[in-house]
N, C-alpha and C. Protein backbone atom coordinates (compact mmCIF):
# COMPACT_ATOMS: atom_id res chain seq x y z
N MET A 1 -18.40 32.74 57.10
CA MET A 1 -18.39 31.41 57.66
C MET A 1 -17.91 31.44 59.10
N THR A 2 -16.87 32.18 59.39
CA THR A 2 -16.36 32.26 60.75
C THR A 2 -17.40 32.86 61.68
N LEU A 3 -18.14 33.88 61.22
CA LEU A 3 -19.15 34.49 62.06
C LEU A 3 -20.22 33.48 62.46
N VAL A 4 -20.62 32.65 61.52
CA VAL A 4 -21.64 31.65 61.82
C VAL A 4 -21.11 30.65 62.84
N LEU A 5 -19.87 30.23 62.68
CA LEU A 5 -19.28 29.28 63.61
C LEU A 5 -19.21 29.87 65.00
N PHE A 6 -18.76 31.12 65.12
CA PHE A 6 -18.68 31.75 66.43
C PHE A 6 -20.06 31.98 67.02
N ALA A 7 -21.03 32.31 66.19
CA ALA A 7 -22.39 32.48 66.71
C ALA A 7 -22.89 31.18 67.30
N GLY A 8 -22.61 30.06 66.63
CA GLY A 8 -23.02 28.77 67.17
C GLY A 8 -22.30 28.43 68.45
N CYS A 9 -21.02 28.76 68.53
CA CYS A 9 -20.23 28.43 69.72
C CYS A 9 -20.65 29.26 70.92
N SER A 10 -21.17 30.46 70.68
CA SER A 10 -21.56 31.30 71.81
C SER A 10 -22.74 30.71 72.57
N ASN A 11 -23.46 29.79 71.95
CA ASN A 11 -24.62 29.18 72.59
C ASN A 11 -24.34 27.79 73.14
N LEU A 12 -23.08 27.43 73.30
CA LEU A 12 -22.77 26.08 73.74
C LEU A 12 -23.33 25.75 75.10
N GLY A 13 -23.61 26.74 75.94
CA GLY A 13 -24.06 26.47 77.29
C GLY A 13 -25.45 25.90 77.36
N SER A 14 -26.29 26.09 76.36
CA SER A 14 -27.67 25.63 76.47
C SER A 14 -28.17 25.14 75.12
N ILE A 15 -28.02 23.87 74.88
CA ILE A 15 -28.50 23.32 73.62
C ILE A 15 -30.02 23.45 73.52
N GLY A 16 -30.69 23.59 74.66
CA GLY A 16 -32.13 23.82 74.64
C GLY A 16 -32.48 25.11 73.92
N ASN A 17 -31.67 26.14 74.10
CA ASN A 17 -31.88 27.39 73.38
C ASN A 17 -31.50 27.24 71.92
N VAL A 18 -30.39 26.58 71.66
CA VAL A 18 -29.92 26.41 70.29
C VAL A 18 -30.91 25.57 69.50
N LEU A 19 -31.44 24.53 70.11
CA LEU A 19 -32.29 23.57 69.41
C LEU A 19 -33.74 23.63 69.87
N GLY A 20 -34.18 24.78 70.32
CA GLY A 20 -35.53 24.91 70.85
C GLY A 20 -36.60 24.38 69.94
N SER A 21 -36.48 24.64 68.65
CA SER A 21 -37.51 24.16 67.73
C SER A 21 -37.48 22.65 67.60
N VAL A 22 -36.30 22.05 67.71
CA VAL A 22 -36.19 20.60 67.63
C VAL A 22 -36.85 19.96 68.84
N LEU A 23 -36.72 20.62 69.99
CA LEU A 23 -37.26 20.07 71.22
C LEU A 23 -38.75 20.33 71.37
N GLY A 24 -39.31 21.17 70.52
CA GLY A 24 -40.74 21.43 70.58
C GLY A 24 -41.11 22.51 71.57
N GLY A 25 -40.18 23.36 71.93
CA GLY A 25 -40.49 24.44 72.85
C GLY A 25 -39.29 25.33 73.04
N ALA A 26 -39.49 26.44 73.73
CA ALA A 26 -38.39 27.37 73.99
C ALA A 26 -37.43 26.74 74.97
N GLY A 27 -36.14 27.08 74.83
CA GLY A 27 -35.12 26.51 75.69
C GLY A 27 -35.30 26.84 77.14
N GLY A 28 -35.90 27.97 77.46
CA GLY A 28 -36.06 28.38 78.84
C GLY A 28 -37.22 27.71 79.55
N GLN A 29 -38.11 27.05 78.81
CA GLN A 29 -39.25 26.39 79.45
C GLN A 29 -38.82 25.05 80.02
N ARG A 30 -39.31 24.75 81.19
CA ARG A 30 -38.99 23.46 81.79
C ARG A 30 -39.83 22.38 81.11
N GLN A 31 -39.17 21.35 80.66
CA GLN A 31 -39.86 20.26 79.98
C GLN A 31 -39.68 18.99 80.79
N GLN A 32 -40.79 18.39 81.19
CA GLN A 32 -40.74 17.21 82.04
C GLN A 32 -40.52 15.93 81.23
N GLN A 33 -41.13 15.81 80.06
CA GLN A 33 -41.01 14.59 79.30
C GLN A 33 -39.64 14.51 78.63
N GLN A 34 -39.28 13.29 78.29
CA GLN A 34 -38.01 13.10 77.61
C GLN A 34 -38.13 13.50 76.15
N GLN A 35 -37.03 13.98 75.62
CA GLN A 35 -36.95 14.37 74.22
C GLN A 35 -35.83 13.56 73.58
N GLN A 36 -35.89 13.40 72.26
CA GLN A 36 -34.83 12.70 71.54
C GLN A 36 -34.14 13.66 70.59
N LEU A 37 -32.82 13.56 70.55
CA LEU A 37 -32.01 14.36 69.64
C LEU A 37 -31.08 13.43 68.88
N ASP A 38 -30.98 13.59 67.57
CA ASP A 38 -29.98 12.88 66.78
C ASP A 38 -28.87 13.88 66.48
N VAL A 39 -27.67 13.58 66.98
CA VAL A 39 -26.55 14.52 66.89
C VAL A 39 -25.26 13.77 66.62
N GLU A 40 -24.23 14.54 66.27
CA GLU A 40 -22.88 14.01 66.12
C GLU A 40 -22.04 14.49 67.30
N ILE A 41 -21.29 13.58 67.90
CA ILE A 41 -20.42 13.94 69.02
C ILE A 41 -19.25 14.76 68.49
N GLN A 42 -19.00 15.90 69.12
CA GLN A 42 -17.85 16.74 68.80
C GLN A 42 -16.74 16.55 69.82
N GLN A 43 -17.14 16.40 71.09
CA GLN A 43 -16.15 16.23 72.16
C GLN A 43 -16.84 15.61 73.37
N VAL A 44 -16.10 14.77 74.08
CA VAL A 44 -16.57 14.19 75.34
C VAL A 44 -15.67 14.73 76.44
N ASP A 45 -16.24 15.45 77.39
CA ASP A 45 -15.49 15.97 78.54
C ASP A 45 -16.02 15.27 79.78
N ALA A 46 -15.42 14.13 80.09
CA ALA A 46 -15.89 13.32 81.22
C ALA A 46 -15.67 14.03 82.55
N ASN A 47 -14.62 14.85 82.64
CA ASN A 47 -14.33 15.55 83.90
C ASN A 47 -15.44 16.51 84.28
N SER A 48 -16.00 17.22 83.30
CA SER A 48 -17.07 18.17 83.59
C SER A 48 -18.45 17.56 83.38
N GLY A 49 -18.50 16.32 82.87
CA GLY A 49 -19.78 15.66 82.63
C GLY A 49 -20.56 16.28 81.49
N ARG A 50 -19.86 16.61 80.40
CA ARG A 50 -20.53 17.26 79.26
C ARG A 50 -20.15 16.59 77.94
N LEU A 51 -21.15 16.52 77.08
CA LEU A 51 -20.94 16.15 75.68
C LEU A 51 -21.14 17.41 74.86
N TYR A 52 -20.23 17.66 73.94
CA TYR A 52 -20.38 18.75 72.99
C TYR A 52 -20.84 18.11 71.69
N VAL A 53 -21.97 18.58 71.17
CA VAL A 53 -22.61 17.92 70.04
C VAL A 53 -22.97 18.92 68.95
N ARG A 54 -23.24 18.36 67.74
CA ARG A 54 -23.65 19.18 66.59
C ARG A 54 -24.78 18.45 65.87
N THR A 55 -25.79 19.22 65.47
CA THR A 55 -26.90 18.67 64.71
C THR A 55 -26.51 18.55 63.24
N GLN A 56 -27.37 17.92 62.46
CA GLN A 56 -27.12 17.77 61.03
C GLN A 56 -27.04 19.11 60.32
N ASP A 57 -27.76 20.12 60.83
CA ASP A 57 -27.71 21.44 60.19
C ASP A 57 -26.64 22.35 60.79
N GLY A 58 -25.75 21.79 61.62
CA GLY A 58 -24.60 22.54 62.10
C GLY A 58 -24.75 23.27 63.42
N GLN A 59 -25.92 23.21 64.05
CA GLN A 59 -26.09 23.87 65.35
C GLN A 59 -25.34 23.07 66.42
N GLN A 60 -24.75 23.80 67.38
CA GLN A 60 -23.94 23.15 68.40
C GLN A 60 -24.49 23.41 69.78
N GLY A 61 -24.16 22.52 70.71
CA GLY A 61 -24.59 22.70 72.09
C GLY A 61 -23.96 21.67 73.00
N THR A 62 -24.34 21.71 74.27
CA THR A 62 -23.81 20.77 75.25
C THR A 62 -24.95 20.00 75.90
N ILE A 63 -24.63 18.79 76.32
CA ILE A 63 -25.57 17.94 77.03
C ILE A 63 -24.84 17.34 78.22
N ARG A 64 -25.49 17.37 79.38
CA ARG A 64 -24.89 16.82 80.60
C ARG A 64 -25.00 15.30 80.61
N VAL A 65 -23.96 14.66 81.13
CA VAL A 65 -23.94 13.21 81.31
C VAL A 65 -23.32 12.89 82.67
N ASP A 66 -23.57 11.68 83.15
CA ASP A 66 -22.91 11.22 84.37
C ASP A 66 -22.80 9.70 84.30
N ASN A 67 -22.39 9.08 85.40
CA ASN A 67 -22.19 7.63 85.37
C ASN A 67 -23.51 6.85 85.32
N GLN A 68 -24.64 7.53 85.43
CA GLN A 68 -25.95 6.89 85.28
C GLN A 68 -26.44 6.91 83.83
N THR A 69 -25.78 7.69 82.98
CA THR A 69 -26.16 7.76 81.57
C THR A 69 -25.85 6.42 80.89
N GLN A 70 -26.85 5.83 80.26
CA GLN A 70 -26.66 4.56 79.56
C GLN A 70 -26.21 4.84 78.13
N VAL A 71 -25.14 4.19 77.71
CA VAL A 71 -24.68 4.26 76.33
C VAL A 71 -24.82 2.85 75.75
N VAL A 72 -25.54 2.75 74.64
CA VAL A 72 -25.82 1.44 74.03
C VAL A 72 -25.37 1.46 72.58
N TYR A 73 -24.61 0.42 72.21
CA TYR A 73 -24.18 0.24 70.82
C TYR A 73 -24.22 -1.25 70.51
N ASN A 74 -24.93 -1.63 69.46
CA ASN A 74 -25.09 -3.04 69.09
C ASN A 74 -25.57 -3.89 70.27
N ASN A 75 -26.56 -3.36 70.98
CA ASN A 75 -27.18 -4.04 72.13
C ASN A 75 -26.22 -4.32 73.28
N GLN A 76 -25.12 -3.60 73.34
CA GLN A 76 -24.18 -3.71 74.46
C GLN A 76 -24.04 -2.36 75.12
N ARG A 77 -23.85 -2.37 76.44
CA ARG A 77 -23.71 -1.12 77.19
C ARG A 77 -22.24 -0.76 77.33
N TYR A 78 -21.98 0.55 77.26
CA TYR A 78 -20.63 1.09 77.36
C TYR A 78 -20.64 2.31 78.27
N PRO A 79 -19.47 2.69 78.80
CA PRO A 79 -19.40 3.94 79.57
C PRO A 79 -19.44 5.14 78.62
N VAL A 80 -19.83 6.28 79.15
CA VAL A 80 -19.88 7.51 78.36
C VAL A 80 -18.51 7.81 77.75
N THR A 81 -17.46 7.46 78.46
CA THR A 81 -16.10 7.75 77.98
C THR A 81 -15.75 6.98 76.71
N SER A 82 -16.55 5.99 76.33
CA SER A 82 -16.29 5.25 75.10
C SER A 82 -16.76 6.01 73.86
N LEU A 83 -17.56 7.05 74.05
CA LEU A 83 -18.00 7.86 72.91
C LEU A 83 -16.82 8.62 72.33
N GLU A 84 -16.85 8.83 71.01
CA GLU A 84 -15.76 9.51 70.32
C GLU A 84 -16.29 10.56 69.37
N ARG A 85 -15.42 11.53 69.07
CA ARG A 85 -15.75 12.54 68.07
C ARG A 85 -16.13 11.83 66.77
N GLY A 86 -17.25 12.25 66.20
CA GLY A 86 -17.71 11.68 64.95
C GLY A 86 -18.78 10.62 65.11
N ASP A 87 -18.97 10.09 66.32
CA ASP A 87 -20.07 9.15 66.55
C ASP A 87 -21.39 9.87 66.32
N VAL A 88 -22.31 9.22 65.63
CA VAL A 88 -23.66 9.75 65.44
C VAL A 88 -24.56 9.00 66.42
N VAL A 89 -25.26 9.77 67.25
CA VAL A 89 -26.01 9.17 68.36
C VAL A 89 -27.42 9.74 68.43
N ARG A 90 -28.29 8.96 69.06
CA ARG A 90 -29.64 9.42 69.42
C ARG A 90 -29.66 9.52 70.93
N ILE A 91 -29.91 10.73 71.43
CA ILE A 91 -29.84 10.99 72.86
C ILE A 91 -31.24 11.24 73.40
N GLN A 92 -31.61 10.50 74.46
CA GLN A 92 -32.84 10.79 75.18
C GLN A 92 -32.48 11.75 76.30
N THR A 93 -33.12 12.90 76.29
CA THR A 93 -32.76 13.95 77.23
C THR A 93 -33.94 14.34 78.10
N GLN A 94 -33.61 14.96 79.21
CA GLN A 94 -34.59 15.64 80.05
C GLN A 94 -33.92 16.91 80.54
N GLN A 95 -34.73 17.92 80.79
CA GLN A 95 -34.18 19.20 81.23
C GLN A 95 -33.99 19.20 82.74
N THR A 96 -32.82 19.68 83.19
CA THR A 96 -32.52 19.74 84.62
C THR A 96 -33.11 21.00 85.23
N GLN A 97 -33.03 21.11 86.55
CA GLN A 97 -33.51 22.31 87.23
C GLN A 97 -32.69 23.53 86.85
N ASN A 98 -31.47 23.32 86.35
CA ASN A 98 -30.61 24.43 85.91
C ASN A 98 -30.81 24.74 84.43
N ASN A 99 -31.89 24.24 83.83
CA ASN A 99 -32.19 24.45 82.41
C ASN A 99 -31.11 23.92 81.49
N GLU A 100 -30.46 22.83 81.90
CA GLU A 100 -29.52 22.14 81.03
C GLU A 100 -30.18 20.84 80.60
N LEU A 101 -29.72 20.31 79.48
CA LEU A 101 -30.22 19.02 79.04
C LEU A 101 -29.33 17.93 79.62
N TYR A 102 -29.96 16.90 80.17
CA TYR A 102 -29.26 15.75 80.73
C TYR A 102 -29.58 14.52 79.88
N ALA A 103 -28.56 13.76 79.52
CA ALA A 103 -28.75 12.55 78.72
C ALA A 103 -28.97 11.36 79.64
N SER A 104 -30.15 10.77 79.58
CA SER A 104 -30.41 9.56 80.36
C SER A 104 -30.00 8.31 79.58
N ARG A 105 -30.08 8.38 78.25
CA ARG A 105 -29.70 7.25 77.41
C ARG A 105 -29.13 7.77 76.09
N ILE A 106 -28.10 7.10 75.61
CA ILE A 106 -27.47 7.44 74.34
C ILE A 106 -27.36 6.17 73.52
N ASP A 107 -28.00 6.15 72.36
CA ASP A 107 -27.89 5.02 71.44
C ASP A 107 -26.97 5.43 70.31
N VAL A 108 -25.90 4.67 70.11
CA VAL A 108 -24.97 4.97 69.02
C VAL A 108 -25.57 4.43 67.73
N LEU A 109 -25.86 5.35 66.80
CA LEU A 109 -26.44 4.97 65.51
C LEU A 109 -25.35 4.60 64.51
N ARG A 110 -24.23 5.33 64.58
CA ARG A 110 -23.10 5.08 63.67
C ARG A 110 -21.82 5.44 64.40
N SER A 111 -20.93 4.48 64.53
CA SER A 111 -19.66 4.71 65.20
C SER A 111 -18.69 5.41 64.25
N ALA A 112 -17.84 6.25 64.81
CA ALA A 112 -16.84 6.95 64.01
C ALA A 112 -15.76 5.99 63.51
N ARG A 113 -15.65 4.85 64.14
CA ARG A 113 -14.60 3.87 63.76
C ARG A 113 -15.04 2.98 62.64
């Protein structure tokens, strides 16, 4: 069990690689269109502009966010910093020039509270 957890953590830098099949392509390929991911928030690091997330099957990764990222819950907008560990969200992403995923919109499907 620990080996699996560490294997997942070693790929935190590129959720595109971790979730390549979910995104419909290899993580290293540049994808212009937006993709949707349903994930659970593990950690919000506003200082570095990163969300640490986990899929339903336990794969982990990071997604970039900034003050332009829209967070919507019950038809109301919130800052990214309002997200909490355990929130289940649908993230619309696009791949950056650095092959990272950037969240343009986050819809909270189920709040941890």
